[in-house]
Amino acid sequence: MWLNIPYSISTATADVTDKDNQRIHKTEHLLVAKQPITLYFTTTQANYALRSQKMRFSFLVPESNHDVKYSLLLE
Protein backbone atom coordinates (compact mmCIF):
# COMPACT_ATOMS: atom_id res chain seq x y z
CA MET A 1 0.00 0.00 0.00
CA TRP A 2 1.32 3.43 -0.82
CA LEU A 3 0.38 7.05 -1.39
CA ASN A 4 0.98 8.24 -4.96
CA ILE A 5 1.78 11.91 -5.40
CA PRO A 6 2.06 12.28 -9.21
CA TYR A 7 4.67 13.10 -10.35
CA SER A 8 6.61 13.46 -7.15
CA ILE A 9 7.57 10.74 -4.66
CA SER A 10 5.41 7.75 -3.69
CA THR A 11 5.30 7.03 0.03
CA ALA A 12 4.75 3.61 1.59
CA THR A 13 2.33 3.17 4.47
CA ALA A 14 3.93 4.50 7.66
CA ASP A 15 1.54 2.81 10.07
CA VAL A 16 -1.74 0.87 10.16
CA THR A 17 -4.06 0.73 13.18
CA ASP A 18 -7.35 -1.03 13.85
CA LYS A 19 -10.54 0.53 15.27
CA ASP A 20 -9.14 0.20 18.82
CA ASN A 21 -6.03 2.13 17.75
CA GLN A 22 -3.90 -1.03 18.03
CA ARG A 23 -1.03 -1.15 15.55
CA ILE A 24 -1.20 -3.86 12.88
CA HIS A 25 2.39 -5.00 12.42
CA LYS A 26 2.16 -7.05 9.21
CA THR A 27 -0.12 -6.63 6.22
CA GLU A 28 -1.19 -10.29 6.36
CA HIS A 29 -2.84 -9.48 9.71
CA LEU A 30 -5.24 -7.02 8.03
CA LEU A 31 -7.81 -9.75 7.38
CA VAL A 32 -8.17 -10.55 11.08
CA ALA A 33 -7.89 -6.95 12.35
CA LYS A 34 -10.85 -5.23 13.95
CA GLN A 35 -12.46 -3.14 11.22
CA PRO A 36 -12.30 -0.37 10.13
CA ILE A 37 -8.56 0.22 9.86
CA THR A 38 -6.69 3.53 9.59
CA LEU A 39 -3.69 4.02 7.32
CA TYR A 40 -1.07 6.67 8.04
CA PHE A 41 1.29 8.18 5.47
CA THR A 42 3.94 10.84 5.82
CA THR A 43 5.45 13.09 3.20
CA THR A 44 7.09 16.46 3.15
CA GLN A 45 5.29 19.64 2.16
CA ALA A 46 7.82 19.97 -0.68
CA ASN A 47 6.81 16.58 -2.14
CA TYR A 48 3.15 17.53 -1.93
CA ALA A 49 3.84 20.88 -3.62
CA LEU A 50 5.54 19.09 -6.57
CA ARG A 51 2.41 17.13 -7.49
CA SER A 52 1.02 17.71 -10.95
CA GLN A 53 -2.14 15.62 -10.49
CA LYS A 54 -4.44 14.59 -7.64
CA MET A 55 -3.05 12.09 -5.10
CA ARG A 56 -4.03 8.43 -5.15
CA PHE A 57 -3.99 5.55 -2.68
CA SER A 58 -2.63 2.47 -4.43
CA PHE A 59 -2.43 -1.14 -3.32
CA LEU A 60 -1.71 -4.59 -4.74
CA VAL A 61 -4.03 -7.59 -4.39
CA PRO A 62 -2.64 -11.09 -5.07
CA GLU A 63 -4.52 -13.02 -7.75
CA SER A 64 -3.31 -16.62 -8.31
CA ASN A 65 0.12 -16.14 -9.97
CA HIS A 66 0.16 -12.32 -10.27
CA ASP A 67 -0.85 -9.12 -8.48
CA VAL A 68 -3.58 -6.66 -9.47
CA LYS A 69 -2.92 -2.98 -8.76
CA TYR A 70 -5.82 -0.82 -7.58
CA SER A 71 -5.64 2.94 -7.31
CA LEU A 72 -8.19 5.24 -5.62
CA LEU A 73 -8.38 8.98 -6.21
CA LEU A 74 -8.07 10.90 -2.90
CA GLU A 75 -8.66 14.57 -3.66
C-alpha atoms as a PDB file:
ATOM      1  CA  MET A   1       0.000   0.000   0.000  1.00  0.00           C
ATOM      2  CA  TRP A   2       1.316   3.432  -0.825  1.00  0.00           C
ATOM      3  CA  LEU A   3       0.379   7.047  -1.389  1.00  0.00           C
ATOM      4  CA  ASN A   4       0.981   8.241  -4.962  1.00  0.00           C
ATOM      5  CA  ILE A   5       1.775  11.908  -5.399  1.00  0.00           C
ATOM      6  CA  PRO A   6       2.057  12.281  -9.206  1.00  0.00           C
ATOM      7  CA  TYR A   7       4.667  13.104 -10.349  1.00  0.00           C
ATOM      8  CA  SER A   8       6.606  13.457  -7.147  1.00  0.00           C
ATOM      9  CA  ILE A   9       7.568  10.741  -4.664  1.00  0.00           C
ATOM     10  CA  SER A  10       5.414   7.755  -3.691  1.00  0.00           C
ATOM     11  CA  THR A  11       5.299   7.031   0.028  1.00  0.00           C
ATOM     12  CA  ALA A  12       4.753   3.613   1.589  1.00  0.00           C
ATOM     13  CA  THR A  13       2.331   3.175   4.466  1.00  0.00           C
ATOM     14  CA  ALA A  14       3.932   4.499   7.658  1.00  0.00           C
ATOM     15  CA  ASP A  15       1.543   2.809  10.075  1.00  0.00           C
ATOM     16  CA  VAL A  16      -1.740   0.870  10.163  1.00  0.00           C
ATOM     17  CA  THR A  17      -4.060   0.725  13.182  1.00  0.00           C
ATOM     18  CA  ASP A  18      -7.355  -1.031  13.848  1.00  0.00           C
ATOM     19  CA  LYS A  19     -10.539   0.527  15.275  1.00  0.00           C
ATOM     20  CA  ASP A  20      -9.143   0.196  18.816  1.00  0.00           C
ATOM     21  CA  ASN A  21      -6.032   2.134  17.749  1.00  0.00           C
ATOM     22  CA  GLN A  22      -3.904  -1.025  18.029  1.00  0.00           C
ATOM     23  CA  ARG A  23      -1.031  -1.151  15.550  1.00  0.00           C
ATOM     24  CA  ILE A  24      -1.203  -3.865  12.881  1.00  0.00           C
ATOM     25  CA  HIS A  25       2.385  -4.996  12.418  1.00  0.00           C
ATOM     26  CA  LYS A  26       2.157  -7.045   9.211  1.00  0.00           C
ATOM     27  CA  THR A  27      -0.122  -6.631   6.221  1.00  0.00           C
ATOM     28  CA  GLU A  28      -1.188 -10.290   6.361  1.00  0.00           C
ATOM     29  CA  HIS A  29      -2.840  -9.483   9.713  1.00  0.00           C
ATOM     30  CA  LEU A  30      -5.239  -7.021   8.026  1.00  0.00           C
ATOM     31  CA  LEU A  31      -7.813  -9.748   7.379  1.00  0.00           C
ATOM     32  CA  VAL A  32      -8.172 -10.552  11.080  1.00  0.00           C
ATOM     33  CA  ALA A  33      -7.886  -6.946  12.349  1.00  0.00           C
ATOM     34  CA  LYS A  34     -10.854  -5.233  13.953  1.00  0.00           C
ATOM     35  CA  GLN A  35     -12.458  -3.140  11.220  1.00  0.00           C
ATOM     36  CA  PRO A  36     -12.302  -0.367  10.133  1.00  0.00           C
ATOM     37  CA  ILE A  37      -8.563   0.222   9.861  1.00  0.00           C
ATOM     38  CA  THR A  38      -6.686   3.526   9.591  1.00  0.00           C
ATOM     39  CA  LEU A  39      -3.692   4.022   7.316  1.00  0.00           C
ATOM     40  CA  TYR A  40      -1.067   6.673   8.040  1.00  0.00           C
ATOM     41  CA  PHE A  41       1.290   8.178   5.471  1.00  0.00           C
ATOM     42  CA  THR A  42       3.940  10.839   5.823  1.00  0.00           C
ATOM     43  CA  THR A  43       5.449  13.093   3.201  1.00  0.00           C
ATOM     44  CA  THR A  44       7.089  16.463   3.153  1.00  0.00           C
ATOM     45  CA  GLN A  45       5.294  19.640   2.156  1.00  0.00           C
ATOM     46  CA  ALA A  46       7.820  19.972  -0.683  1.00  0.00           C
ATOM     47  CA  ASN A  47       6.808  16.580  -2.143  1.00  0.00           C
ATOM     48  CA  TYR A  48       3.146  17.535  -1.931  1.00  0.00           C
ATOM     49  CA  ALA A  49       3.845  20.884  -3.617  1.00  0.00           C
ATOM     50  CA  LEU A  50       5.537  19.091  -6.566  1.00  0.00           C
ATOM     51  CA  ARG A  51       2.411  17.133  -7.486  1.00  0.00           C
ATOM     52  CA  SER A  52       1.015  17.707 -10.950  1.00  0.00           C
ATOM     53  CA  GLN A  53      -2.141  15.616 -10.488  1.00  0.00           C
ATOM     54  CA  LYS A  54      -4.440  14.592  -7.636  1.00  0.00           C
ATOM     55  CA  MET A  55      -3.055  12.094  -5.101  1.00  0.00           C
ATOM     56  CA  ARG A  56      -4.028   8.430  -5.145  1.00  0.00           C
ATOM     57  CA  PHE A  57      -3.994   5.554  -2.677  1.00  0.00           C
ATOM     58  CA  SER A  58      -2.632   2.470  -4.434  1.00  0.00           C
ATOM     59  CA  PHE A  59      -2.427  -1.137  -3.322  1.00  0.00           C
ATOM     60  CA  LEU A  60      -1.712  -4.593  -4.740  1.00  0.00           C
ATOM     61  CA  VAL A  61      -4.034  -7.588  -4.392  1.00  0.00           C
ATOM     62  CA  PRO A  62      -2.639 -11.086  -5.068  1.00  0.00           C
ATOM     63  CA  GLU A  63      -4.524 -13.019  -7.745  1.00  0.00           C
ATOM     64  CA  SER A  64      -3.309 -16.619  -8.315  1.00  0.00           C
ATOM     65  CA  ASN A  65       0.118 -16.137  -9.972  1.00  0.00           C
ATOM     66  CA  HIS A  66       0.158 -12.321 -10.273  1.00  0.00           C
ATOM     67  CA  ASP A  67      -0.848  -9.120  -8.477  1.00  0.00           C
ATOM     68  CA  VAL A  68      -3.580  -6.659  -9.471  1.00  0.00           C
ATOM     69  CA  LYS A  69      -2.925  -2.983  -8.756  1.00  0.00           C
ATOM     70  CA  TYR A  70      -5.816  -0.816  -7.583  1.00  0.00           C
ATOM     71  CA  SER A  71      -5.640   2.942  -7.305  1.00  0.00           C
ATOM     72  CA  LEU A  72      -8.194   5.239  -5.617  1.00  0.00           C
ATOM     73  CA  LEU A  73      -8.376   8.983  -6.212  1.00  0.00           C
ATOM     74  CA  LEU A  74      -8.070  10.902  -2.904  1.00  0.00           C
ATOM     75  CA  GLU A  75      -8.664  14.572  -3.662  1.00  0.00           C
END
